[in-house]
Amino acid sequence: MGVTRTAREIGAELRGARCRARLTQTQVGNVVGYSASAISRIEAGSMRLEYDRLLAFAAFLNIPLDRLHRTPVPGPAPVDTVRCPADEEDAVRRRNLLTGAAAIGATAAVGATTASAAPAGGDPAAPLEDYLFRLPTAAPVPLARLVQETASARKDFRAARYTALGRALPGLLASASATWEESTGHEREKASVVLARSYVLAAELALKQHSDAAWAASDRALAVARASGHPVPVGEASRVLAITMRRSGNCPSAVRLLTREAADLDSGQEQTAAVRTTLMLTAAYSAATGRDRATALDLLDAAEEETARREATPSGLFTVDATRTQVDVYRIGVHTALGTPDEGVSVARRINIDTMPTPERRARAWTDTARMWHALRDGQQTLAALRRVEHEAPQEVRRPALRALTADLLYASARVPGVREFAARTGAIST
């Protein structure tokens, strides 16, 4: 029967299949929902794949599943039998890096707007990756204008207008940073909150695109939020940092960060209580991803109790909600992550996703519903939920993770009428 293969062996198998197909790491990543750097770590055996992601790789690269589960017949590893054009990929990557650096320098020199430098299509987070470590030159702006620009960026996020958000964020971050550096006293405190929330938006967008920029954005968000002394932006920043940690496979650390921050918040105040709820919900999903069922369900129940005490009042949080419906959506995701998606079916049937306040939140709820049905191998229901995602937020359904789910549905053994057209329309396959 053999034994389960190691991450390094699986990575070598994936790299060999990719090279035989003459695909770059970027091309594979676009289909299966990872950045090129993440594909590199997977192929090196330094990043662990969840089982559903492994299935997506196998389907796209035409790898028999037994080659990924069992020790192969002794002999040369597949990666050694195929010459992979790694030098060619590295050369392309170096050219792109130098071109990007030159463009950044030119933009900073002439003070051009970042919207003109952003790509017309493709990855909405690409401008962040270009500019995050070298923001364009910007002058301080009046705090009232900065607050207005941040509110506009938030509207783009909540409406799932990710391309517009990606274009706006570098300039917003540059202006917010310059304003924060020049401010003093109470004005600096206000500028800290605005800058922290701008970085939270950057982290949210990077997370949606599986971009490594999420690390830098979330870390900066938390540092500036702590400097502000305000607990709400601290909680918001802690949440996106914990999601970044979970995405890297460090679920226990994510749960510890979230529960520690939740314990430090005052549950007697409306906004801090709402933040506590979102932290507990994110911690519950992180625990479920780490297969800690008891912790995940305990945190869900605690979050539900919190919402029962104060749901009548709007929470006013920046990017997420803290309502009973949101708790139920998380409950669906938690059960799917725990491998018990059947326990989420009754929850999915009782909630009314249409009552959720923003297209981004409604699209996320339908995404979790689609994943539940996919785990239950109900292709028709999965596609129906994905179509609801597209209806709510067309850019949401083009996220790497959603394209990977669509591709997995397309290559499943049971044919689903309409899935190929949907996959072509949403970018899951090339036309």
Protein backbone atom coordinates (compact mmCIF):
# COMPACT_ATOMS: atom_id res chain seq x y z
CA MET A 1 0.00 0.00 0.00
CA GLY A 2 2.88 2.41 0.61
CA VAL A 3 3.01 5.43 2.88
CA THR A 4 1.81 9.02 2.66
CA ARG A 5 4.20 11.16 0.68
CA THR A 6 6.07 14.06 2.26
CA ALA A 7 5.51 17.70 1.35
CA ARG A 8 8.86 17.72 -0.44
CA GLU A 9 7.92 14.66 -2.53
CA ILE A 10 4.55 16.14 -3.40
CA GLY A 11 6.22 19.43 -4.30
CA ALA A 12 8.62 17.63 -6.64
CA GLU A 13 5.70 15.83 -8.29
CA LEU A 14 3.85 19.11 -8.82
CA ARG A 15 6.92 20.83 -10.19
CA GLY A 16 7.56 17.96 -12.60
CA ALA A 17 4.00 18.06 -13.89
CA ARG A 18 4.12 21.82 -14.29
CA CYS A 19 7.36 21.65 -16.24
CA ARG A 20 6.06 18.90 -18.52
CA ALA A 21 3.09 21.16 -19.30
CA ARG A 22 5.48 24.08 -19.97
CA LEU A 23 3.64 26.28 -17.48
CA THR A 24 5.12 28.99 -15.27
CA GLN A 25 4.48 29.20 -11.55
CA THR A 26 2.37 32.30 -12.19
CA GLN A 27 0.16 30.46 -14.69
CA VAL A 28 -0.45 27.59 -12.29
CA GLY A 29 -1.04 29.98 -9.39
CA ASN A 30 -3.65 31.93 -11.34
CA VAL A 31 -5.73 28.78 -11.79
CA VAL A 32 -5.34 27.11 -8.39
CA GLY A 33 -5.47 30.28 -6.29
CA TYR A 34 -1.92 31.01 -5.12
CA SER A 35 0.74 33.61 -5.83
CA ALA A 36 3.84 32.59 -7.80
CA SER A 37 5.95 32.81 -4.64
CA ALA A 38 3.51 30.47 -2.85
CA ILE A 39 3.76 27.98 -5.74
CA SER A 40 7.54 28.15 -5.36
CA ARG A 41 7.27 27.31 -1.64
CA ILE A 42 4.83 24.47 -2.35
CA GLU A 43 7.16 22.96 -4.93
CA ALA A 44 10.08 23.26 -2.50
CA GLY A 45 8.08 21.39 0.15
CA SER A 46 8.10 24.31 2.60
CA MET A 47 4.36 25.07 2.38
CA ARG A 48 1.70 22.50 3.27
CA LEU A 49 -1.36 22.01 1.04
CA GLU A 50 -4.85 21.28 2.33
CA TYR A 51 -6.47 18.27 0.68
CA ASP A 52 -8.96 20.29 -1.39
CA ARG A 53 -6.13 22.44 -2.77
CA LEU A 54 -4.17 19.30 -3.61
CA LEU A 55 -7.15 18.09 -5.61
CA ALA A 56 -7.20 21.35 -7.55
CA PHE A 57 -3.50 20.94 -8.43
CA ALA A 58 -4.03 17.34 -9.49
CA ALA A 59 -7.02 18.19 -11.69
CA PHE A 60 -5.29 21.09 -13.43
CA LEU A 61 -1.94 19.34 -13.96
CA ASN A 62 -3.45 15.93 -14.82
CA ILE A 63 -1.69 14.09 -12.00
CA PRO A 64 -3.20 10.76 -10.86
CA LEU A 65 -4.12 11.11 -7.19
CA ASP A 66 -2.25 7.93 -6.24
CA ARG A 67 1.00 9.67 -7.23
CA LEU A 68 0.30 12.30 -4.58
CA HIS A 69 -0.83 9.91 -1.85
CA ARG A 70 1.59 7.01 -2.02
CA THR A 71 5.30 6.47 -2.26
CA PRO A 72 6.18 6.05 -5.95
CA VAL A 73 8.00 3.13 -7.51
CA PRO A 74 11.74 3.48 -6.79
CA GLY A 75 13.52 5.42 -9.48
CA PRO A 76 14.25 8.98 -10.49
CA ALA A 77 11.77 11.55 -9.24
CA PRO A 78 9.58 13.00 -11.97
CA VAL A 79 11.14 16.42 -11.54
CA ASP A 80 14.56 15.00 -12.48
CA THR A 81 13.31 13.53 -15.76
CA VAL A 82 12.15 16.85 -17.14
CA ARG A 83 14.26 19.93 -17.65
CA CYS A 84 12.27 22.76 -16.06
CA PRO A 85 12.95 26.20 -17.48
CA ALA A 86 13.72 27.63 -14.04
CA ASP A 87 16.45 29.91 -15.38
CA GLU A 88 14.01 31.29 -17.93
CA GLU A 89 11.41 31.93 -15.21
CA ASP A 90 13.99 33.64 -13.00
CA ALA A 91 15.09 35.84 -15.89
CA VAL A 92 11.50 36.89 -16.57
CA ARG A 93 10.95 37.56 -12.88
CA ARG A 94 14.12 39.70 -12.72
CA ARG A 95 13.06 41.67 -15.81
CA ASN A 96 9.62 42.28 -14.33
CA LEU A 97 11.12 43.35 -11.02
CA LEU A 98 13.51 45.81 -12.67
CA THR A 99 10.76 47.18 -14.89
CA GLY A 100 8.50 47.63 -11.88
CA ALA A 101 11.24 49.33 -9.87
CA ALA A 102 11.93 51.72 -12.74
CA ALA A 103 8.24 52.57 -13.03
CA ILE A 104 8.01 53.23 -9.30
CA GLY A 105 10.99 55.53 -9.41
CA ALA A 106 9.57 57.47 -12.33
CA THR A 107 6.20 57.83 -10.66
CA ALA A 108 7.75 59.06 -7.42
CA ALA A 109 9.90 61.57 -9.33
CA VAL A 110 7.07 63.22 -11.25
CA GLY A 111 4.39 62.76 -8.59
CA ALA A 112 2.04 60.94 -10.96
CA THR A 113 -1.18 59.44 -9.66
CA THR A 114 -1.07 55.77 -8.85
CA ALA A 115 -4.25 55.06 -10.79
CA SER A 116 -2.42 55.62 -14.06
CA ALA A 117 0.32 53.19 -13.02
CA ALA A 118 -2.08 50.41 -12.08
CA PRO A 119 -2.79 47.65 -14.58
CA ALA A 120 -6.01 47.83 -16.54
CA GLY A 121 -6.89 44.24 -15.60
CA GLY A 122 -5.50 41.18 -13.90
CA ASP A 123 -4.64 41.03 -10.20
CA PRO A 124 -6.22 43.99 -8.35
CA ALA A 125 -3.52 43.70 -5.66
CA ALA A 126 -0.65 44.09 -8.14
CA PRO A 127 -0.26 47.85 -7.47
CA LEU A 128 0.15 47.05 -3.78
CA GLU A 129 2.97 44.62 -4.44
CA ASP A 130 4.71 47.26 -6.57
CA TYR A 131 4.32 50.16 -4.18
CA LEU A 132 4.05 48.81 -0.65
CA PHE A 133 7.78 48.95 0.08
CA ARG A 134 8.37 52.18 -1.82
CA LEU A 135 5.30 54.36 -1.71
CA PRO A 136 5.06 57.18 -4.26
CA THR A 137 5.99 60.67 -3.12
CA ALA A 138 3.06 62.43 -1.48
CA ALA A 139 2.48 65.57 0.54
CA PRO A 140 0.43 65.76 3.73
CA VAL A 141 -3.24 66.54 3.16
CA PRO A 142 -5.89 67.97 5.49
CA LEU A 143 -7.20 65.31 7.82
CA ALA A 144 -10.80 65.85 6.70
CA ARG A 145 -9.80 65.10 3.09
CA LEU A 146 -7.88 62.02 4.19
CA VAL A 147 -10.91 60.72 6.09
CA GLN A 148 -13.04 61.29 2.98
CA GLU A 149 -10.60 59.42 0.72
CA THR A 150 -10.44 56.50 3.17
CA ALA A 151 -14.24 56.37 3.28
CA SER A 152 -14.27 56.23 -0.53
CA ALA A 153 -11.79 53.35 -0.54
CA ARG A 154 -13.90 51.56 2.05
CA LYS A 155 -16.95 51.93 -0.21
CA ASP A 156 -14.99 50.29 -3.03
CA PHE A 157 -14.14 47.37 -0.75
CA ARG A 158 -17.67 46.92 0.54
CA ALA A 159 -19.01 47.04 -3.02
CA ALA A 160 -16.33 44.52 -4.13
CA ARG A 161 -14.84 46.98 -6.62
CA TYR A 162 -11.37 45.52 -6.15
CA THR A 163 -9.71 46.93 -9.27
CA ALA A 164 -10.67 50.47 -8.28
CA LEU A 165 -9.52 49.79 -4.72
CA GLY A 166 -6.17 48.43 -5.89
CA ARG A 167 -5.58 51.55 -7.95
CA ALA A 168 -6.55 53.93 -5.14
CA LEU A 169 -4.72 52.32 -2.22
CA PRO A 170 -1.06 53.18 -3.03
CA GLY A 171 -1.85 56.89 -3.30
CA LEU A 172 -4.05 56.76 -0.20
CA LEU A 173 -1.35 54.99 1.80
CA ALA A 174 1.27 57.50 0.64
CA SER A 175 -0.90 60.50 1.59
CA ALA A 176 -1.93 58.94 4.90
CA SER A 177 1.69 58.13 5.78
CA ALA A 178 2.85 61.67 4.95
CA THR A 179 -0.01 63.20 6.95
CA TRP A 180 0.67 60.93 9.92
CA GLU A 181 4.40 61.78 9.93
CA GLU A 182 3.71 65.52 9.92
CA SER A 183 0.93 65.45 12.53
CA THR A 184 1.28 65.98 16.27
CA GLY A 185 -0.91 65.59 19.33
CA HIS A 186 -4.57 64.82 18.82
CA GLU A 187 -4.29 65.20 15.04
CA ARG A 188 -1.61 62.51 14.95
CA GLU A 189 -3.85 60.20 16.93
CA LYS A 190 -6.64 60.66 14.36
CA ALA A 191 -4.19 60.23 11.48
CA SER A 192 -3.00 56.97 13.06
CA VAL A 193 -6.51 55.54 12.96
CA VAL A 194 -6.94 56.53 9.30
CA LEU A 195 -3.54 55.11 8.31
CA ALA A 196 -4.15 51.87 10.22
CA ARG A 197 -7.50 51.39 8.50
CA SER A 198 -5.95 52.14 5.11
CA TYR A 199 -3.47 49.34 5.74
CA VAL A 200 -6.34 47.09 6.87
CA LEU A 201 -7.98 47.67 3.48
CA ALA A 202 -4.67 46.86 1.78
CA ALA A 203 -4.38 43.63 3.78
CA GLU A 204 -8.00 42.68 3.01
CA LEU A 205 -7.41 43.12 -0.72
CA ALA A 206 -4.10 41.25 -0.63
CA LEU A 207 -5.72 38.36 1.26
CA LYS A 208 -8.46 38.09 -1.33
CA GLN A 209 -5.85 37.79 -4.07
CA HIS A 210 -3.58 35.42 -2.05
CA SER A 211 -0.84 38.04 -2.32
CA ASP A 212 2.21 38.03 -0.06
CA ALA A 213 1.65 41.78 0.36
CA ALA A 214 -0.84 40.81 3.10
CA TRP A 215 2.03 40.21 5.52
CA ALA A 216 3.49 43.71 5.19
CA ALA A 217 0.11 45.44 5.09
CA SER A 218 -1.33 43.66 8.15
CA ASP A 219 1.85 44.05 10.18
CA ARG A 220 1.97 47.79 9.47
CA ALA A 221 -1.74 48.11 10.20
CA LEU A 222 -1.29 46.62 13.66
CA ALA A 223 1.81 48.70 14.48
CA VAL A 224 0.10 51.98 13.55
CA ALA A 225 -3.16 50.93 15.23
CA ARG A 226 -1.34 50.27 18.50
CA ALA A 227 0.31 53.70 18.24
CA SER A 228 -3.16 55.28 17.96
CA GLY A 229 -4.21 53.91 21.34
CA HIS A 230 -7.69 53.07 19.98
CA PRO A 231 -8.85 49.49 20.62
CA VAL A 232 -11.16 49.19 17.58
CA PRO A 233 -8.48 49.64 14.86
CA VAL A 234 -6.18 47.42 16.94
CA GLY A 235 -8.80 44.66 16.77
CA GLU A 236 -9.40 45.21 13.06
CA ALA A 237 -5.67 45.02 12.33
CA SER A 238 -5.21 41.96 14.56
CA ARG A 239 -7.91 40.18 12.59
CA VAL A 240 -6.23 40.62 9.19
CA LEU A 241 -2.83 39.68 10.62
CA ALA A 242 -4.30 36.50 12.10
CA ILE A 243 -5.90 35.58 8.77
CA THR A 244 -2.49 36.01 7.13
CA MET A 245 -0.97 33.72 9.75
CA ARG A 246 -3.69 31.12 9.20
CA ARG A 247 -3.17 31.22 5.45
CA SER A 248 0.47 30.33 6.08
CA GLY A 249 -0.58 27.24 8.06
CA ASN A 250 -0.02 28.67 11.55
CA CYS A 251 -3.54 28.20 12.89
CA PRO A 252 -2.69 27.85 16.63
CA SER A 253 -0.78 31.15 16.64
CA ALA A 254 -3.65 32.86 14.84
CA VAL A 255 -6.12 31.60 17.44
CA ARG A 256 -3.87 32.76 20.30
CA LEU A 257 -3.50 36.25 18.82
CA LEU A 258 -7.21 36.64 18.23
CA THR A 259 -8.37 35.35 21.61
CA ARG A 260 -5.78 37.46 23.42
CA GLU A 261 -6.89 40.61 21.61
CA ALA A 262 -10.57 39.76 22.21
CA ALA A 263 -9.93 39.34 25.94
CA ASP A 264 -8.35 42.81 26.08
CA LEU A 265 -11.43 44.54 24.64
CA ASP A 266 -14.17 46.03 26.79
CA SER A 267 -17.39 44.15 26.08
CA GLY A 268 -19.42 46.93 27.70
CA GLN A 269 -18.95 49.34 24.79
CA GLU A 270 -20.83 48.83 21.53
CA GLN A 271 -17.99 49.04 19.02
CA THR A 272 -15.44 47.13 21.08
CA ALA A 273 -18.03 44.40 21.74
CA ALA A 274 -18.63 44.13 18.00
CA VAL A 275 -14.89 43.86 17.36
CA ARG A 276 -14.68 41.13 20.01
CA THR A 277 -17.32 39.21 18.09
CA THR A 278 -15.42 39.42 14.79
CA LEU A 279 -12.21 38.33 16.52
CA MET A 280 -13.95 35.30 18.04
CA LEU A 281 -15.49 34.39 14.69
CA THR A 282 -12.14 34.59 12.91
CA ALA A 283 -10.56 32.59 15.74
CA ALA A 284 -13.29 29.95 15.40
CA TYR A 285 -12.58 29.51 11.70
CA SER A 286 -8.83 29.45 12.35
CA ALA A 287 -9.30 26.73 14.96
CA ALA A 288 -11.50 24.77 12.56
CA THR A 289 -8.86 25.03 9.84
CA GLY A 290 -6.46 23.50 12.36
CA ARG A 291 -9.09 20.77 13.05
CA ASP A 292 -9.61 21.87 16.68
CA ARG A 293 -13.35 21.18 16.80
CA ALA A 294 -13.95 21.91 20.49
CA THR A 295 -12.26 25.32 20.39
CA ALA A 296 -13.93 26.28 17.11
CA LEU A 297 -17.45 25.51 18.33
CA ASP A 298 -16.88 27.12 21.75
CA LEU A 299 -15.75 30.34 20.08
CA LEU A 300 -18.75 30.27 17.72
CA ASP A 301 -21.14 29.91 20.65
CA ALA A 302 -19.43 32.77 22.50
CA ALA A 303 -19.74 35.00 19.44
CA GLU A 304 -23.42 34.11 19.09
CA GLU A 305 -24.07 35.04 22.72
CA GLU A 306 -22.30 38.36 22.14
CA THR A 307 -24.50 39.23 19.16
CA ALA A 308 -27.67 38.26 21.03
CA ARG A 309 -26.92 40.98 23.59
CA ARG A 310 -26.42 43.89 21.18
CA GLU A 311 -27.49 43.11 17.62
CA ALA A 312 -30.18 45.80 17.56
CA THR A 313 -27.54 48.55 17.37
CA PRO A 314 -25.39 48.95 14.20
CA SER A 315 -21.76 48.22 15.03
CA GLY A 316 -20.13 50.57 12.52
CA LEU A 317 -17.14 48.31 11.91
CA PHE A 318 -14.81 49.05 9.04
CA THR A 319 -14.77 45.97 6.79
CA VAL A 320 -16.80 43.23 8.49
CA ASP A 321 -20.07 42.70 10.36
CA ALA A 322 -20.91 41.34 13.79
CA THR A 323 -24.49 40.09 13.41
CA ARG A 324 -26.35 36.85 14.01
CA THR A 325 -26.41 36.21 10.25
CA GLN A 326 -22.65 36.65 10.10
CA VAL A 327 -22.26 34.15 12.94
CA ASP A 328 -24.34 31.66 10.97
CA VAL A 329 -22.21 32.18 7.85
CA TYR A 330 -19.11 31.48 9.91
CA ARG A 331 -20.81 28.39 11.32
CA ILE A 332 -21.20 27.06 7.78
CA GLY A 333 -17.52 27.72 7.06
CA VAL A 334 -16.38 26.20 10.34
CA HIS A 335 -18.24 22.93 9.72
CA THR A 336 -16.86 22.74 6.19
CA ALA A 337 -13.32 23.28 7.50
CA LEU A 338 -13.86 20.63 10.18
CA GLY A 339 -14.90 18.08 7.55
CA THR A 340 -18.55 18.02 8.67
CA PRO A 341 -20.25 20.12 5.99
CA ASP A 342 -23.53 18.26 6.45
CA GLU A 343 -23.91 20.05 9.81
CA GLY A 344 -23.96 23.37 7.97
CA VAL A 345 -26.82 22.53 5.61
CA SER A 346 -29.61 23.38 8.06
CA VAL A 347 -27.85 26.65 8.88
CA ALA A 348 -27.54 27.56 5.20
CA ARG A 349 -31.25 26.91 4.68
CA ARG A 350 -32.39 29.12 7.55
CA ILE A 351 -30.37 32.26 6.88
CA ASN A 352 -31.33 35.05 4.51
CA ILE A 353 -28.11 36.20 2.87
CA ASP A 354 -29.99 38.99 1.07
CA THR A 355 -30.32 40.84 4.38
CA MET A 356 -26.56 41.24 4.73
CA PRO A 357 -25.60 44.90 4.23
CA THR A 358 -22.93 44.90 1.50
CA PRO A 359 -22.19 43.08 -1.77
CA GLU A 360 -18.83 41.96 -0.38
CA ARG A 361 -20.39 40.32 2.67
CA ARG A 362 -23.18 38.72 0.64
CA ALA A 363 -20.66 37.38 -1.86
CA ARG A 364 -18.54 35.97 0.96
CA ALA A 365 -21.60 34.25 2.43
CA TRP A 366 -22.43 32.63 -0.91
CA THR A 367 -18.78 31.61 -1.22
CA ASP A 368 -18.94 29.73 2.07
CA THR A 369 -22.20 28.15 0.94
CA ALA A 370 -20.59 27.07 -2.34
CA ARG A 371 -17.69 25.47 -0.46
CA MET A 372 -20.13 23.60 1.75
CA TRP A 373 -22.00 22.14 -1.22
CA HIS A 374 -18.74 21.35 -2.97
CA ALA A 375 -17.53 19.43 0.09
CA LEU A 376 -20.83 17.51 -0.05
CA ARG A 377 -20.14 16.80 -3.75
CA ASP A 378 -23.32 18.50 -4.89
CA GLY A 379 -22.16 20.14 -8.10
CA GLN A 380 -25.48 21.70 -9.02
CA GLN A 381 -25.85 23.46 -5.68
CA THR A 382 -22.20 24.52 -5.79
CA LEU A 383 -22.64 26.15 -9.19
CA ALA A 384 -25.89 27.80 -8.08
CA ALA A 385 -24.08 29.37 -5.11
CA LEU A 386 -21.17 30.48 -7.31
CA ARG A 387 -23.64 32.17 -9.64
CA ARG A 388 -25.02 34.06 -6.65
CA VAL A 389 -21.49 35.20 -5.85
CA GLU A 390 -21.18 36.49 -9.42
CA HIS A 391 -24.56 38.22 -9.18
CA GLU A 392 -23.58 40.02 -5.98
CA ALA A 393 -19.99 40.89 -6.89
CA PRO A 394 -18.56 39.99 -10.32
CA GLN A 395 -14.99 40.75 -9.18
CA GLU A 396 -15.35 38.49 -6.14
CA VAL A 397 -15.97 35.41 -8.26
CA ARG A 398 -12.72 36.08 -10.15
CA ARG A 399 -10.62 35.81 -6.99
CA PRO A 400 -7.96 33.06 -7.19
CA ALA A 401 -9.72 30.88 -4.59
CA LEU A 402 -13.04 31.09 -6.44
CA ARG A 403 -11.43 30.37 -9.79
CA ALA A 404 -9.79 27.32 -8.23
CA LEU A 405 -13.12 26.12 -6.84
CA THR A 406 -14.73 26.61 -10.26
CA ALA A 407 -11.92 24.73 -11.99
CA ASP A 408 -12.24 21.90 -9.49
CA LEU A 409 -15.95 21.73 -10.22
CA LEU A 410 -15.25 21.73 -13.97
CA TYR A 411 -12.81 18.82 -13.77
CA ALA A 412 -14.88 16.75 -11.35
CA SER A 413 -15.95 13.30 -12.47
CA ALA A 414 -19.65 14.22 -12.42
CA ARG A 415 -20.52 16.72 -15.15
CA VAL A 416 -22.42 19.84 -14.10
CA PRO A 417 -24.41 21.52 -16.89
CA GLY A 418 -23.35 25.12 -17.40
CA VAL A 419 -20.10 24.97 -15.44
CA ARG A 420 -17.82 25.27 -18.48
CA GLU A 421 -19.55 28.45 -19.64
CA PHE A 422 -19.37 29.83 -16.09
CA ALA A 423 -15.67 28.93 -15.83
CA ALA A 424 -14.88 30.66 -19.12
CA ARG A 425 -16.88 33.75 -18.17
CA THR A 426 -15.24 34.15 -14.77
CA GLY A 427 -11.66 33.45 -15.82
CA ALA A 428 -11.29 29.99 -14.30
CA ILE A 429 -10.26 28.65 -17.72
CA SER A 430 -8.89 30.35 -20.81
CA THR A 431 -11.20 30.84 -23.76
